[in-house]
Amino acid sequence: MTPLVTAAVLAAAVTHAGWNAIAHRITDKLVGFTLISGGGALTGLALVPFTAVPAAAAWPYLLGSAAVHIAYYALLMRSFRLGDFGQAYPIARGSAPLVVTVFAAVFAHEVPDGWAAAGIALSCAGLTGVALWGLRGRRPDWAAIGAALATGLTIAAYTLVDGLGVRASGSSLGYIAWLMLVQGTVIPAYALHRWRGAFLATVRPFAALGLLGALMSVAAYALVLWAQTRAELAPIAALRESSIIVGAVIGAVFFKERFGAPRIAAAGLLVVGIGLMLRAG
């Protein structure tokens, strides 16, 4: 985890929280994710002529990742419908890093050393603290929690698959371009079938906001995929989920959700964890 890789992943965390907040802000979740995924497909289409085609060994990973991303979008839409942003987003993102650590050890043979393991553990403790703070003082909505946890499992799955795929691709930019193009057509195609002649009228009021979210989504994941060619998967996964802290700030500022001292303490744990991961690098 060099300083450059760390900076790239932290930038990805900020932009990721931003596009998720945009998706939550758009009332009709299908409209929001149609614009975000469709905008991602258009971005991928624009990049394809200028990037290298991923190597043949990368395509099984790329297609598998596209399928997992579609499940991720569907579960994230359900999470945002059922729960508050300050609850759904931290649980979905915070449940992924530990699973990624296990998956990376088993499938990528990346076992973190002592400093990295300690950093991942502290970071996950901080992320868990933010997630639990989102549940304070209320009766648990198990449907919302279940959807968010299932979303976290898809995050862990595509993190591993893409980490292996982008390394086999020979071109991180080519991989992200084709991934965005392949996965980004499914939700807009479904929306086009569902709304038929009313498609443009349905999406037009949110077009600018949704396309901004699409650009942020592509930028966030491109940065992460590049980082995965430079460092191990587990520390990147833990560091990327610092987006939860950014999301908590967004929730407090824009959605009037309380931040609170426990979230500040959780953010402190996350910062210490990042420091340990940098020491390991």
Protein backbone atom coordinates (compact mmCIF):
# COMPACT_ATOMS: atom_id res chain seq x y z
CA MET A 1 0.00 0.00 0.00
CA THR A 2 2.20 2.85 -1.30
CA PRO A 3 1.11 6.47 -0.75
CA LEU A 4 0.01 6.72 -4.41
CA VAL A 5 -2.17 3.60 -4.16
CA THR A 6 -3.57 4.84 -0.85
CA ALA A 7 -4.44 8.22 -2.37
CA ALA A 8 -6.14 6.55 -5.34
CA VAL A 9 -8.27 4.30 -3.12
CA LEU A 10 -9.23 7.19 -0.81
CA ALA A 11 -10.27 9.24 -3.86
CA ALA A 12 -12.34 6.25 -4.98
CA ALA A 13 -13.95 6.12 -1.54
CA VAL A 14 -15.06 9.75 -1.75
CA THR A 15 -16.47 9.44 -5.27
CA HIS A 16 -18.14 6.13 -4.40
CA ALA A 17 -19.98 7.62 -1.43
CA GLY A 18 -20.98 10.51 -3.67
CA TRP A 19 -22.60 8.41 -6.37
CA ASN A 20 -24.38 6.25 -3.79
CA ALA A 21 -25.79 9.41 -2.20
CA ILE A 22 -27.01 10.49 -5.64
CA ALA A 23 -28.66 7.09 -6.15
CA HIS A 24 -30.36 7.43 -2.76
CA ARG A 25 -31.42 11.01 -3.53
CA ILE A 26 -33.35 10.00 -6.67
CA THR A 27 -36.74 8.91 -5.33
CA ASP A 28 -37.43 6.23 -7.94
CA LYS A 29 -34.54 3.84 -7.43
CA LEU A 30 -35.00 2.16 -10.82
CA VAL A 31 -34.68 5.56 -12.49
CA GLY A 32 -31.52 6.30 -10.53
CA PHE A 33 -29.81 3.01 -11.27
CA THR A 34 -30.95 3.08 -14.91
CA LEU A 35 -29.18 6.40 -15.37
CA ILE A 36 -26.11 5.43 -13.38
CA SER A 37 -25.57 2.03 -14.99
CA GLY A 38 -26.62 3.30 -18.44
CA GLY A 39 -24.26 6.25 -18.12
CA GLY A 40 -21.53 3.80 -17.15
CA ALA A 41 -22.25 1.77 -20.30
CA LEU A 42 -22.01 4.90 -22.45
CA THR A 43 -18.71 5.82 -20.77
CA GLY A 44 -17.39 2.33 -21.42
CA LEU A 45 -18.52 2.53 -25.05
CA ALA A 46 -16.68 5.83 -25.46
CA LEU A 47 -13.49 4.38 -23.97
CA VAL A 48 -13.45 1.07 -25.84
CA PRO A 49 -11.96 2.42 -29.12
CA PHE A 50 -9.05 3.96 -27.22
CA THR A 51 -8.16 1.07 -24.92
CA ALA A 52 -6.68 -2.39 -25.34
CA VAL A 53 -9.06 -5.34 -25.45
CA PRO A 54 -8.61 -7.40 -22.26
CA ALA A 55 -6.61 -10.59 -22.68
CA ALA A 56 -8.56 -13.80 -23.25
CA ALA A 57 -7.75 -15.03 -19.72
CA ALA A 58 -9.59 -12.03 -18.25
CA TRP A 59 -12.93 -12.54 -19.98
CA PRO A 60 -14.36 -15.26 -17.68
CA TYR A 61 -13.67 -12.93 -14.75
CA LEU A 62 -15.13 -9.94 -16.58
CA LEU A 63 -18.37 -11.71 -17.51
CA GLY A 64 -18.67 -13.22 -14.04
CA SER A 65 -18.14 -9.80 -12.50
CA ALA A 66 -20.82 -8.29 -14.74
CA ALA A 67 -23.32 -10.87 -13.48
CA VAL A 68 -22.38 -10.22 -9.84
CA HIS A 69 -22.60 -6.44 -10.38
CA ILE A 70 -26.16 -6.80 -11.69
CA ALA A 71 -27.09 -8.68 -8.52
CA TYR A 72 -25.30 -5.97 -6.52
CA TYR A 73 -27.32 -3.20 -8.16
CA ALA A 74 -30.59 -5.05 -7.57
CA LEU A 75 -29.79 -5.66 -3.89
CA LEU A 76 -28.52 -2.11 -3.38
CA MET A 77 -31.76 -0.73 -4.86
CA ARG A 78 -33.72 -2.89 -2.43
CA SER A 79 -31.53 -1.78 0.49
CA PHE A 80 -32.12 1.89 -0.33
CA ARG A 81 -35.87 1.33 -0.64
CA LEU A 82 -36.10 -0.42 2.74
CA GLY A 83 -33.57 1.45 4.90
CA ASP A 84 -32.12 4.89 5.53
CA PHE A 85 -28.93 5.85 3.69
CA GLY A 86 -27.08 6.03 7.04
CA GLN A 87 -28.13 2.44 7.79
CA ALA A 88 -28.07 0.63 4.45
CA TYR A 89 -24.81 2.06 3.09
CA PRO A 90 -22.59 1.32 6.15
CA ILE A 91 -23.89 -2.23 6.55
CA ALA A 92 -23.50 -3.05 2.86
CA ARG A 93 -19.99 -1.63 2.61
CA GLY A 94 -18.79 -2.54 6.11
CA SER A 95 -19.63 -6.23 5.82
CA ALA A 96 -17.42 -6.71 2.73
CA PRO A 97 -13.75 -6.25 3.82
CA LEU A 98 -13.51 -9.23 6.18
CA VAL A 99 -15.12 -11.48 3.56
CA VAL A 100 -12.68 -10.16 0.96
CA THR A 101 -9.78 -10.94 3.32
CA VAL A 102 -10.92 -14.57 3.59
CA PHE A 103 -11.64 -14.87 -0.15
CA ALA A 104 -8.25 -13.34 -1.06
CA ALA A 105 -6.43 -15.74 1.25
CA VAL A 106 -8.24 -18.78 -0.16
CA PHE A 107 -8.45 -17.94 -3.87
CA ALA A 108 -5.63 -15.44 -4.48
CA HIS A 109 -3.19 -16.81 -1.85
CA GLU A 110 -2.82 -13.34 -0.35
CA VAL A 111 -2.44 -13.79 3.40
CA PRO A 112 -1.86 -10.44 5.13
CA ASP A 113 1.15 -10.08 7.40
CA GLY A 114 0.87 -8.98 11.02
CA TRP A 115 0.73 -5.21 10.42
CA ALA A 116 -1.68 -5.50 7.52
CA ALA A 117 -3.92 -7.92 9.44
CA ALA A 118 -4.00 -5.58 12.41
CA GLY A 119 -4.81 -2.64 10.13
CA ILE A 120 -7.62 -4.56 8.41
CA ALA A 121 -9.05 -5.65 11.77
CA LEU A 122 -9.01 -2.10 13.20
CA SER A 123 -10.49 -0.66 10.02
CA CYS A 124 -13.26 -3.26 10.04
CA ALA A 125 -13.93 -2.49 13.71
CA GLY A 126 -14.35 1.18 12.82
CA LEU A 127 -16.59 0.38 9.87
CA THR A 128 -18.69 -1.95 12.03
CA GLY A 129 -19.04 0.83 14.60
CA VAL A 130 -20.43 3.17 11.95
CA ALA A 131 -22.84 0.48 10.75
CA LEU A 132 -24.09 -0.28 14.28
CA TRP A 133 -24.52 3.44 14.98
CA GLY A 134 -26.88 3.51 12.02
CA LEU A 135 -29.12 1.05 13.89
CA ARG A 136 -29.20 2.93 17.20
CA GLY A 137 -32.44 3.59 19.02
CA ARG A 138 -34.71 1.77 16.63
CA ARG A 139 -36.26 -1.62 16.18
CA PRO A 140 -34.14 -3.56 13.67
CA ASP A 141 -35.67 -3.81 10.20
CA TRP A 142 -34.47 -7.29 9.38
CA ALA A 143 -35.53 -7.10 5.74
CA ALA A 144 -33.43 -3.96 5.25
CA ILE A 145 -30.50 -5.43 7.20
CA GLY A 146 -30.70 -8.68 5.24
CA ALA A 147 -30.69 -6.84 1.92
CA ALA A 148 -27.71 -4.74 3.00
CA LEU A 149 -25.76 -7.81 4.18
CA ALA A 150 -26.52 -9.60 0.91
CA THR A 151 -25.27 -6.51 -0.90
CA GLY A 152 -22.05 -6.77 1.11
CA LEU A 153 -21.55 -10.36 -0.05
CA THR A 154 -21.86 -9.30 -3.69
CA ILE A 155 -19.32 -6.53 -3.04
CA ALA A 156 -16.88 -9.08 -1.66
CA ALA A 157 -17.50 -11.39 -4.63
CA TYR A 158 -16.94 -8.81 -7.35
CA THR A 159 -13.92 -7.38 -5.50
CA LEU A 160 -12.20 -10.76 -5.67
CA VAL A 161 -13.31 -11.56 -9.23
CA ASP A 162 -12.26 -8.16 -10.57
CA GLY A 163 -9.01 -8.21 -8.64
CA LEU A 164 -8.04 -11.43 -10.42
CA GLY A 165 -9.54 -10.34 -13.74
CA VAL A 166 -7.84 -6.97 -14.00
CA ARG A 167 -4.47 -8.57 -13.26
CA ALA A 168 -5.02 -11.03 -16.11
CA SER A 169 -6.32 -8.38 -18.51
CA GLY A 170 -3.11 -6.62 -19.45
CA SER A 171 -4.95 -3.26 -19.33
CA SER A 172 -6.81 -1.96 -16.30
CA LEU A 173 -8.47 0.79 -18.40
CA GLY A 174 -9.52 -1.70 -21.07
CA TYR A 175 -10.96 -3.99 -18.39
CA ILE A 176 -13.01 -1.22 -16.77
CA ALA A 177 -14.26 0.01 -20.19
CA TRP A 178 -15.53 -3.40 -21.23
CA LEU A 179 -16.90 -4.18 -17.76
CA MET A 180 -18.92 -0.95 -17.71
CA LEU A 181 -20.19 -1.61 -21.22
CA VAL A 182 -21.25 -5.21 -20.56
CA GLN A 183 -22.83 -4.77 -17.13
CA GLY A 184 -24.33 -1.35 -17.79
CA THR A 185 -26.81 -2.42 -20.46
CA VAL A 186 -28.95 -4.79 -18.37
CA ILE A 187 -30.81 -2.40 -16.04
CA PRO A 188 -31.53 0.18 -18.80
CA ALA A 189 -32.79 -2.65 -21.03
CA TYR A 190 -35.14 -3.80 -18.27
CA ALA A 191 -36.33 -0.22 -17.66
CA LEU A 192 -36.89 0.30 -21.40
CA HIS A 193 -39.02 -2.83 -21.52
CA ARG A 194 -40.97 -1.83 -18.40
CA TRP A 195 -41.66 1.79 -19.36
CA ARG A 196 -41.71 1.36 -23.14
CA GLY A 197 -42.86 4.65 -24.71
CA ALA A 198 -42.59 6.51 -21.39
CA PHE A 199 -38.87 5.79 -20.93
CA LEU A 200 -37.52 9.24 -21.83
CA ALA A 201 -40.26 11.07 -19.96
CA THR A 202 -39.56 8.96 -16.85
CA VAL A 203 -35.80 9.47 -16.72
CA ARG A 204 -35.56 13.04 -18.08
CA PRO A 205 -36.21 14.89 -14.76
CA PHE A 206 -33.20 13.16 -13.15
CA ALA A 207 -30.96 12.81 -16.21
CA ALA A 208 -28.27 15.34 -15.23
CA LEU A 209 -28.03 14.07 -11.64
CA GLY A 210 -28.01 10.43 -12.70
CA LEU A 211 -25.34 10.91 -15.36
CA LEU A 212 -23.16 12.74 -12.84
CA GLY A 213 -23.54 9.69 -10.60
CA ALA A 214 -22.53 7.49 -13.55
CA LEU A 215 -19.30 9.40 -14.12
CA MET A 216 -18.49 9.24 -10.41
CA SER A 217 -19.23 5.50 -10.37
CA VAL A 218 -16.91 4.78 -13.29
CA ALA A 219 -14.14 6.96 -11.84
CA ALA A 220 -14.42 5.33 -8.42
CA TYR A 221 -14.20 1.79 -9.73
CA ALA A 222 -11.48 2.57 -12.27
CA LEU A 223 -9.29 3.87 -9.44
CA VAL A 224 -9.93 0.73 -7.39
CA LEU A 225 -9.19 -1.61 -10.30
CA TRP A 226 -5.93 0.20 -10.99
CA ALA A 227 -5.02 -0.07 -7.30
CA GLN A 228 -5.72 -3.82 -7.38
CA THR A 229 -2.92 -4.22 -9.92
CA ARG A 230 -0.50 -2.54 -7.48
CA ALA A 231 -1.41 -4.00 -4.07
CA GLU A 232 -3.16 -6.89 -2.34
CA LEU A 233 -6.94 -7.13 -2.40
CA ALA A 234 -7.77 -7.20 1.33
CA PRO A 235 -6.09 -3.92 2.36
CA ILE A 236 -7.60 -2.17 -0.68
CA ALA A 237 -11.06 -3.48 0.24
CA ALA A 238 -10.72 -2.24 3.82
CA LEU A 239 -9.36 1.14 2.75
CA ARG A 240 -12.00 1.60 0.05
CA GLU A 241 -14.75 1.20 2.61
CA SER A 242 -13.61 4.40 4.29
CA SER A 243 -16.35 5.64 1.98
CA ILE A 244 -18.61 4.73 4.90
CA ILE A 245 -17.21 7.66 6.87
CA VAL A 246 -17.74 9.93 3.86
CA GLY A 247 -21.24 8.51 3.53
CA ALA A 248 -21.94 9.28 7.19
CA VAL A 249 -20.86 12.88 6.63
CA ILE A 250 -23.07 13.12 3.53
CA GLY A 251 -25.96 11.64 5.50
CA ALA A 252 -25.48 14.21 8.25
CA VAL A 253 -25.12 17.20 5.91
CA PHE A 254 -27.64 16.42 3.16
CA PHE A 255 -30.08 13.93 4.69
CA LYS A 256 -30.09 15.42 8.22
CA GLU A 257 -28.94 12.17 9.82
CA ARG A 258 -27.03 12.46 13.07
CA PHE A 259 -23.26 11.88 12.95
CA GLY A 260 -22.49 11.58 16.68
CA ALA A 261 -19.47 10.82 18.85
CA PRO A 262 -19.50 7.04 18.18
CA ARG A 263 -19.01 7.69 14.48
CA ILE A 264 -16.12 10.02 15.28
CA ALA A 265 -14.52 7.26 17.37
CA ALA A 266 -15.13 4.74 14.58
CA ALA A 267 -13.48 7.11 12.11
CA GLY A 268 -10.48 7.29 14.45
CA LEU A 269 -10.15 3.50 14.45
CA LEU A 270 -10.31 3.54 10.68
CA VAL A 271 -7.51 6.11 10.47
CA VAL A 272 -5.30 4.03 12.79
CA GLY A 273 -6.04 0.96 10.68
CA ILE A 274 -5.02 2.80 7.52
CA GLY A 275 -1.77 3.81 9.21
CA LEU A 276 -0.98 0.18 10.04
CA MET A 277 -1.71 -0.92 6.48
CA LEU A 278 0.63 1.77 5.17
CA ARG A 279 3.31 0.55 7.59
CA ALA A 280 2.84 -2.94 6.19
CA GLY A 281 3.30 -1.54 2.67
